[in-house]
Amino acid sequence: QVQLQESGPGLVNPSQTLSLTCSVSGGSIATSFWHWLRQAPGKGLEWIAYTSSGSTSYSPSFESRTSVSRDTSKNQVALNLMSVTPEDTAIYYCSNAFIEFGQGIQVTVSS
């Protein structure tokens, strides 16, 4: 069974870059589609982007300030979200093809 674990800072200053890592065990990131999503307080789940061995795609809402990447040597997927504001405060999740999800990581944007 594939397991996913998000990691990164819990607190980020406004205008800085949020960098998160999703560590995958029990499966290879060389296959499947690896997604990043988030859920802000009081809101629904919001899709950010995905990456696979053949393509990467971003939500139009995030495309201008987001990048995702894969490190196959570490079996990790990364998310970088630039120029964050308090509206980026949310629980961030990684997912394997919307089948398995990590437990999520709370990120707060505040000075």
Protein backbone atom coordinates (compact mmCIF):
# COMPACT_ATOMS: atom_id res chain seq x y z
CA GLN A 1 0.00 0.00 0.00
CA VAL A 2 1.31 3.40 -0.96
CA GLN A 3 1.84 5.82 1.90
CA LEU A 4 2.36 9.56 1.54
CA GLN A 5 3.76 11.99 4.09
CA GLU A 6 3.80 15.75 3.65
CA SER A 7 6.51 17.81 5.34
CA GLY A 8 7.57 21.42 5.45
CA PRO A 9 7.24 24.58 7.52
CA GLY A 10 4.07 25.16 9.49
CA LEU A 11 4.49 28.92 9.39
CA VAL A 12 5.49 31.07 6.44
CA ASN A 13 5.85 34.83 6.22
CA PRO A 14 3.75 36.72 3.67
CA SER A 15 5.44 37.25 0.29
CA GLN A 16 7.78 34.29 0.88
CA THR A 17 7.82 30.93 -0.88
CA LEU A 18 6.10 27.94 0.64
CA SER A 19 8.04 24.73 -0.03
CA LEU A 20 6.51 21.36 0.79
CA THR A 21 7.70 17.82 0.22
CA CYS A 22 5.68 14.65 -0.18
CA SER A 23 7.64 11.51 0.70
CA VAL A 24 6.27 8.34 -0.83
CA SER A 25 6.74 4.79 0.42
CA GLY A 26 5.36 1.50 -0.83
CA GLY A 27 5.39 2.65 -4.44
CA SER A 28 7.42 4.53 -7.00
CA ILE A 29 6.74 8.09 -8.06
CA ALA A 30 7.98 7.06 -11.50
CA THR A 31 4.48 5.79 -12.10
CA SER A 32 1.06 7.36 -11.52
CA PHE A 33 -0.02 10.94 -11.14
CA TRP A 34 0.98 12.86 -8.03
CA HIS A 35 -1.29 15.69 -7.00
CA TRP A 36 -1.16 18.59 -4.60
CA LEU A 37 -4.38 19.91 -3.08
CA ARG A 38 -5.32 22.14 -0.19
CA GLN A 39 -8.24 22.95 2.07
CA ALA A 40 -8.49 26.44 3.50
CA PRO A 41 -10.49 27.07 6.67
CA GLY A 42 -14.20 26.85 5.96
CA LYS A 43 -13.66 25.93 2.30
CA GLY A 44 -13.66 22.81 0.19
CA LEU A 45 -10.77 20.84 -1.20
CA GLU A 46 -8.93 22.77 -3.92
CA TRP A 47 -6.73 21.17 -6.56
CA ILE A 48 -3.36 22.86 -7.15
CA ALA A 49 -1.36 20.75 -9.61
CA TYR A 50 -0.15 17.32 -10.59
CA THR A 51 3.05 15.84 -11.94
CA SER A 52 3.79 12.53 -13.62
CA SER A 53 6.66 11.05 -15.59
CA GLY A 54 5.23 12.52 -18.76
CA SER A 55 3.55 15.78 -17.83
CA THR A 56 2.83 18.47 -15.29
CA SER A 57 -0.35 20.51 -15.05
CA TYR A 58 -1.43 23.42 -12.90
CA SER A 59 -4.74 24.88 -11.89
CA PRO A 60 -5.17 28.28 -13.57
CA SER A 61 -5.66 29.70 -10.10
CA PHE A 62 -2.10 28.74 -9.14
CA GLU A 63 -0.18 28.44 -12.40
CA SER A 64 1.53 31.83 -12.27
CA ARG A 65 3.16 31.23 -8.87
CA THR A 66 3.45 27.46 -8.47
CA SER A 67 5.91 24.78 -9.46
CA VAL A 68 5.90 21.05 -8.76
CA SER A 69 8.79 18.69 -9.24
CA ARG A 70 9.82 15.10 -8.65
CA ASP A 71 12.99 13.60 -7.19
CA THR A 72 12.97 9.95 -8.20
CA SER A 73 16.17 9.24 -6.26
CA LYS A 74 14.41 10.21 -3.04
CA ASN A 75 10.93 9.15 -4.17
CA GLN A 76 9.60 12.58 -3.31
CA VAL A 77 7.35 15.14 -4.92
CA ALA A 78 7.77 18.83 -4.14
CA LEU A 79 5.51 21.86 -4.23
CA ASN A 80 6.69 25.47 -4.33
CA LEU A 81 4.09 28.20 -3.92
CA MET A 82 5.51 31.68 -4.29
CA SER A 83 4.41 35.08 -3.02
CA VAL A 84 2.12 33.62 -0.39
CA THR A 85 -0.52 35.65 1.40
CA PRO A 86 -2.67 34.86 4.45
CA GLU A 87 -5.25 33.49 1.99
CA ASP A 88 -2.84 30.62 1.35
CA THR A 89 -3.32 29.42 4.92
CA ALA A 90 -4.63 25.87 4.55
CA ILE A 91 -4.03 22.19 5.07
CA TYR A 92 -1.98 20.94 2.14
CA TYR A 93 -2.25 17.37 0.89
CA CYS A 94 -0.45 15.22 -1.62
CA SER A 95 -2.24 12.38 -3.35
CA ASN A 96 -1.54 9.44 -5.59
CA ALA A 97 -4.11 9.73 -8.36
CA PHE A 98 -6.77 10.70 -5.80
CA ILE A 99 -6.58 7.12 -4.49
CA GLU A 100 -4.32 7.61 -1.53
CA PHE A 101 -3.78 10.83 0.38
CA GLY A 102 -1.26 11.97 2.92
CA GLN A 103 -2.47 13.09 6.33
CA GLY A 104 -1.96 16.70 5.33
CA ILE A 105 0.16 19.48 6.75
CA GLN A 106 -1.20 22.67 8.28
CA VAL A 107 0.46 25.77 6.84
CA THR A 108 -0.20 29.22 8.23
CA VAL A 109 0.87 32.37 6.42
CA SER A 110 1.40 35.13 8.91
CA SER A 111 3.99 37.63 10.01
